Amino acid sequence: MSTQPVHRGTTGDSRVPRTIGGVSAALRGGRRAQFFAELHEARQGPELDAVLNAWWGRAMLDADPDRDRVRAAAEAGALPTTTLDDVLRRRQEHGVR
């Protein structure tokens, strides 16, 4: 199964640049310190890339303008829900296996 972005945009139209500076600027609170701690321990190459990619995803969530509203709705139990059957039906309608 794959995921689709909620907000469509071009690859170059990201809220958070996939750079160390971009990620660190977008992270909230103590998460920035955690990011730098992992970054300082990572070796150059695939290990460093993995740290940057994982934290870029977290930074994208932190930078989401709807983040606080969605979190509040989740905590209040007010997020819209769907059944697996509905998800599978919609995937079929869109030609996704």
N, C-alpha and C. Protein backbone atom coordinates (compact mmCIF):
# COMPACT_ATOMS: atom_id res chain seq x y z
N MET A 1 0.85 -1.17 0.00
CA MET A 1 0.00 0.00 0.00
C MET A 1 0.90 1.23 0.00
N SER A 2 0.50 2.26 -0.69
CA SER A 2 1.27 3.49 -0.72
C SER A 2 0.44 4.62 -0.13
N THR A 3 1.09 5.71 0.15
CA THR A 3 0.38 6.87 0.68
C THR A 3 0.40 7.99 -0.35
N GLN A 4 -0.54 8.86 -0.26
CA GLN A 4 -0.61 10.01 -1.14
C GLN A 4 -0.59 11.27 -0.29
N PRO A 5 0.07 12.33 -0.76
CA PRO A 5 0.11 13.56 0.04
C PRO A 5 -1.25 14.20 0.15
N VAL A 6 -1.51 14.80 1.30
CA VAL A 6 -2.77 15.51 1.50
C VAL A 6 -2.77 16.80 0.72
N HIS A 7 -1.65 17.52 0.77
CA HIS A 7 -1.50 18.77 0.06
C HIS A 7 -0.64 18.53 -1.17
N ARG A 8 -1.22 18.65 -2.34
CA ARG A 8 -0.46 18.42 -3.57
C ARG A 8 0.48 19.58 -3.83
N GLY A 9 1.62 19.29 -4.38
CA GLY A 9 2.59 20.31 -4.73
C GLY A 9 3.69 19.69 -5.56
N THR A 10 4.57 20.51 -6.04
CA THR A 10 5.68 19.98 -6.81
C THR A 10 6.79 19.58 -5.88
N THR A 11 7.69 18.75 -6.36
CA THR A 11 8.80 18.28 -5.54
C THR A 11 9.62 19.44 -5.00
N GLY A 12 9.81 20.48 -5.79
CA GLY A 12 10.61 21.61 -5.35
C GLY A 12 9.84 22.60 -4.49
N ASP A 13 8.58 22.30 -4.21
CA ASP A 13 7.72 23.22 -3.48
C ASP A 13 7.48 22.72 -2.06
N SER A 14 8.54 22.31 -1.39
CA SER A 14 8.45 21.73 -0.06
C SER A 14 8.45 22.81 1.01
N ARG A 15 7.67 22.58 2.06
CA ARG A 15 7.67 23.50 3.20
C ARG A 15 9.03 23.51 3.89
N VAL A 16 9.71 22.37 3.84
CA VAL A 16 10.98 22.22 4.55
C VAL A 16 12.04 21.76 3.57
N PRO A 17 13.07 22.56 3.36
CA PRO A 17 14.16 22.10 2.49
C PRO A 17 14.82 20.86 3.10
N ARG A 18 15.18 19.91 2.28
CA ARG A 18 15.79 18.66 2.77
C ARG A 18 17.29 18.90 2.98
N THR A 19 17.57 19.80 3.91
CA THR A 19 18.94 20.14 4.29
C THR A 19 19.01 20.14 5.81
N ILE A 20 20.21 20.10 6.34
CA ILE A 20 20.37 20.14 7.80
C ILE A 20 19.77 21.43 8.36
N GLY A 21 20.04 22.56 7.71
CA GLY A 21 19.49 23.83 8.17
C GLY A 21 17.99 23.90 8.05
N GLY A 22 17.45 23.38 6.94
CA GLY A 22 16.01 23.39 6.74
C GLY A 22 15.28 22.56 7.78
N VAL A 23 15.81 21.37 8.04
CA VAL A 23 15.20 20.48 9.03
C VAL A 23 15.28 21.09 10.42
N SER A 24 16.47 21.58 10.80
CA SER A 24 16.61 22.11 12.16
C SER A 24 15.73 23.34 12.38
N ALA A 25 15.55 24.16 11.35
CA ALA A 25 14.70 25.34 11.50
C ALA A 25 13.22 24.99 11.67
N ALA A 26 12.80 23.86 11.12
CA ALA A 26 11.39 23.49 11.16
C ALA A 26 11.00 22.70 12.41
N LEU A 27 11.98 22.08 13.05
CA LEU A 27 11.65 21.24 14.22
C LEU A 27 11.24 22.09 15.41
N ARG A 28 10.27 21.57 16.16
CA ARG A 28 9.75 22.26 17.34
C ARG A 28 10.41 21.73 18.61
N GLY A 29 10.55 22.62 19.56
CA GLY A 29 10.99 22.26 20.91
C GLY A 29 12.29 21.48 20.97
N GLY A 30 12.31 20.50 21.86
CA GLY A 30 13.50 19.70 22.10
C GLY A 30 13.85 18.75 20.96
N ARG A 31 12.97 18.68 19.98
CA ARG A 31 13.24 17.78 18.86
C ARG A 31 14.49 18.22 18.09
N ARG A 32 14.75 19.52 18.06
CA ARG A 32 15.94 20.02 17.36
C ARG A 32 17.20 19.47 18.01
N ALA A 33 17.25 19.44 19.33
CA ALA A 33 18.42 18.90 20.03
C ALA A 33 18.58 17.41 19.75
N GLN A 34 17.47 16.67 19.70
CA GLN A 34 17.53 15.25 19.37
C GLN A 34 18.09 15.05 17.96
N PHE A 35 17.62 15.89 17.03
CA PHE A 35 18.09 15.82 15.64
C PHE A 35 19.61 16.01 15.59
N PHE A 36 20.11 17.06 16.25
CA PHE A 36 21.54 17.33 16.20
C PHE A 36 22.35 16.23 16.89
N ALA A 37 21.81 15.65 17.96
CA ALA A 37 22.52 14.55 18.64
C ALA A 37 22.68 13.36 17.70
N GLU A 38 21.61 13.00 16.98
CA GLU A 38 21.70 11.89 16.04
C GLU A 38 22.60 12.25 14.85
N LEU A 39 22.51 13.48 14.42
CA LEU A 39 23.30 13.96 13.29
C LEU A 39 24.79 13.88 13.60
N HIS A 40 25.17 14.28 14.81
CA HIS A 40 26.59 14.29 15.20
C HIS A 40 27.16 12.89 15.34
N GLU A 41 26.33 11.90 15.57
CA GLU A 41 26.79 10.52 15.72
C GLU A 41 26.83 9.76 14.40
N ALA A 42 26.15 10.27 13.38
CA ALA A 42 26.03 9.55 12.10
C ALA A 42 27.30 9.69 11.27
N ARG A 43 27.63 8.60 10.60
CA ARG A 43 28.77 8.62 9.67
C ARG A 43 28.32 9.15 8.32
N GLN A 44 29.23 9.82 7.63
CA GLN A 44 28.93 10.34 6.30
C GLN A 44 28.56 9.18 5.37
N GLY A 45 27.55 9.41 4.57
CA GLY A 45 27.09 8.39 3.63
C GLY A 45 25.67 7.96 3.98
N PRO A 46 25.37 6.67 3.79
CA PRO A 46 24.00 6.19 4.00
C PRO A 46 23.47 6.43 5.41
N GLU A 47 24.33 6.34 6.42
CA GLU A 47 23.88 6.55 7.80
C GLU A 47 23.44 8.00 8.01
N LEU A 48 24.22 8.94 7.53
CA LEU A 48 23.86 10.35 7.64
C LEU A 48 22.61 10.66 6.83
N ASP A 49 22.53 10.09 5.63
CA ASP A 49 21.35 10.27 4.79
C ASP A 49 20.09 9.76 5.49
N ALA A 50 20.21 8.61 6.16
CA ALA A 50 19.06 8.03 6.86
C ALA A 50 18.58 8.94 7.99
N VAL A 51 19.51 9.51 8.74
CA VAL A 51 19.15 10.43 9.83
C VAL A 51 18.45 11.65 9.25
N LEU A 52 19.02 12.24 8.21
CA LEU A 52 18.43 13.43 7.61
C LEU A 52 17.04 13.13 7.04
N ASN A 53 16.88 12.00 6.37
CA ASN A 53 15.57 11.63 5.81
C ASN A 53 14.52 11.41 6.89
N ALA A 54 14.90 10.71 7.95
CA ALA A 54 13.93 10.45 9.04
C ALA A 54 13.50 11.75 9.69
N TRP A 55 14.45 12.62 9.98
CA TRP A 55 14.12 13.88 10.64
C TRP A 55 13.44 14.86 9.71
N TRP A 56 13.70 14.76 8.40
CA TRP A 56 12.99 15.62 7.45
C TRP A 56 11.49 15.32 7.51
N GLY A 57 11.13 14.05 7.60
CA GLY A 57 9.72 13.69 7.73
C GLY A 57 9.10 14.29 8.98
N ARG A 58 9.81 14.23 10.09
CA ARG A 58 9.31 14.82 11.33
C ARG A 58 9.19 16.34 11.21
N ALA A 59 10.18 16.95 10.55
CA ALA A 59 10.15 18.40 10.36
C ALA A 59 8.97 18.81 9.49
N MET A 60 8.66 18.00 8.46
CA MET A 60 7.50 18.29 7.61
C MET A 60 6.22 18.28 8.45
N LEU A 61 6.12 17.34 9.36
CA LEU A 61 4.94 17.29 10.25
C LEU A 61 4.92 18.51 11.17
N ASP A 62 6.06 18.88 11.72
CA ASP A 62 6.12 20.05 12.60
C ASP A 62 5.76 21.33 11.86
N ALA A 63 6.09 21.38 10.56
CA ALA A 63 5.84 22.59 9.77
C ALA A 63 4.46 22.62 9.14
N ASP A 64 3.67 21.57 9.32
CA ASP A 64 2.33 21.52 8.73
C ASP A 64 1.45 22.59 9.37
N PRO A 65 0.88 23.49 8.56
CA PRO A 65 0.05 24.56 9.13
C PRO A 65 -1.21 24.04 9.82
N ASP A 66 -1.64 22.82 9.51
CA ASP A 66 -2.83 22.24 10.14
C ASP A 66 -2.49 21.33 11.31
N ARG A 67 -1.23 21.27 11.68
CA ARG A 67 -0.77 20.33 12.69
C ARG A 67 -1.54 20.45 14.01
N ASP A 68 -1.65 21.65 14.53
CA ASP A 68 -2.31 21.83 15.83
C ASP A 68 -3.79 21.49 15.76
N ARG A 69 -4.45 21.85 14.67
CA ARG A 69 -5.87 21.55 14.51
C ARG A 69 -6.09 20.04 14.42
N VAL A 70 -5.26 19.35 13.64
CA VAL A 70 -5.39 17.90 13.48
C VAL A 70 -5.11 17.20 14.81
N ARG A 71 -4.08 17.64 15.51
CA ARG A 71 -3.75 17.03 16.80
C ARG A 71 -4.89 17.21 17.80
N ALA A 72 -5.45 18.40 17.86
CA ALA A 72 -6.57 18.65 18.77
C ALA A 72 -7.77 17.79 18.41
N ALA A 73 -8.05 17.66 17.13
CA ALA A 73 -9.17 16.81 16.69
C ALA A 73 -8.91 15.35 17.04
N ALA A 74 -7.67 14.90 16.89
CA ALA A 74 -7.32 13.51 17.23
C ALA A 74 -7.50 13.27 18.73
N GLU A 75 -7.03 14.22 19.54
CA GLU A 75 -7.15 14.07 20.98
C GLU A 75 -8.61 14.12 21.43
N ALA A 76 -9.45 14.85 20.69
CA ALA A 76 -10.87 14.95 21.03
C ALA A 76 -11.68 13.80 20.42
N GLY A 77 -11.03 12.95 19.65
CA GLY A 77 -11.74 11.84 19.00
C GLY A 77 -12.64 12.31 17.87
N ALA A 78 -12.30 13.44 17.26
CA ALA A 78 -13.18 14.04 16.25
C ALA A 78 -12.61 13.96 14.83
N LEU A 79 -11.58 13.15 14.61
CA LEU A 79 -11.06 13.01 13.25
C LEU A 79 -12.01 12.14 12.43
N PRO A 80 -12.18 12.47 11.15
CA PRO A 80 -13.02 11.62 10.31
C PRO A 80 -12.37 10.23 10.16
N THR A 81 -13.21 9.23 10.11
CA THR A 81 -12.71 7.86 9.98
C THR A 81 -13.32 7.21 8.74
N THR A 82 -12.74 6.09 8.35
CA THR A 82 -13.26 5.33 7.23
C THR A 82 -13.01 3.86 7.49
N THR A 83 -13.68 3.03 6.76
CA THR A 83 -13.48 1.58 6.91
C THR A 83 -12.47 1.10 5.89
N LEU A 84 -11.89 -0.06 6.14
CA LEU A 84 -10.96 -0.65 5.19
C LEU A 84 -11.66 -0.93 3.87
N ASP A 85 -12.92 -1.36 3.93
CA ASP A 85 -13.68 -1.61 2.70
C ASP A 85 -13.79 -0.35 1.85
N ASP A 86 -14.02 0.80 2.48
CA ASP A 86 -14.10 2.06 1.73
C ASP A 86 -12.75 2.43 1.11
N VAL A 87 -11.69 2.20 1.85
CA VAL A 87 -10.35 2.49 1.33
C VAL A 87 -10.07 1.61 0.12
N LEU A 88 -10.34 0.32 0.24
CA LEU A 88 -10.10 -0.61 -0.87
C LEU A 88 -10.96 -0.27 -2.08
N ARG A 89 -12.22 0.11 -1.85
CA ARG A 89 -13.10 0.49 -2.96
C ARG A 89 -12.56 1.71 -3.69
N ARG A 90 -12.12 2.74 -2.93
CA ARG A 90 -11.58 3.94 -3.56
C ARG A 90 -10.31 3.64 -4.32
N ARG A 91 -9.48 2.76 -3.77
CA ARG A 91 -8.25 2.38 -4.48
C ARG A 91 -8.59 1.70 -5.80
N GLN A 92 -9.56 0.82 -5.76
CA GLN A 92 -9.99 0.15 -6.99
C GLN A 92 -10.52 1.15 -8.01
N GLU A 93 -11.31 2.10 -7.55
CA GLU A 93 -11.86 3.13 -8.45
C GLU A 93 -10.76 3.95 -9.12
N HIS A 94 -9.63 4.09 -8.43
CA HIS A 94 -8.51 4.86 -8.98
C HIS A 94 -7.47 3.97 -9.67
N GLY A 95 -7.80 2.69 -9.82
CA GLY A 95 -6.90 1.78 -10.52
C GLY A 95 -5.66 1.40 -9.76
N VAL A 96 -5.70 1.50 -8.42
CA VAL A 96 -4.55 1.13 -7.59
C VAL A 96 -4.82 -0.24 -7.01
N ARG A 97 -3.82 -1.09 -7.09
CA ARG A 97 -3.98 -2.45 -6.55
C ARG A 97 -3.72 -2.51 -5.10
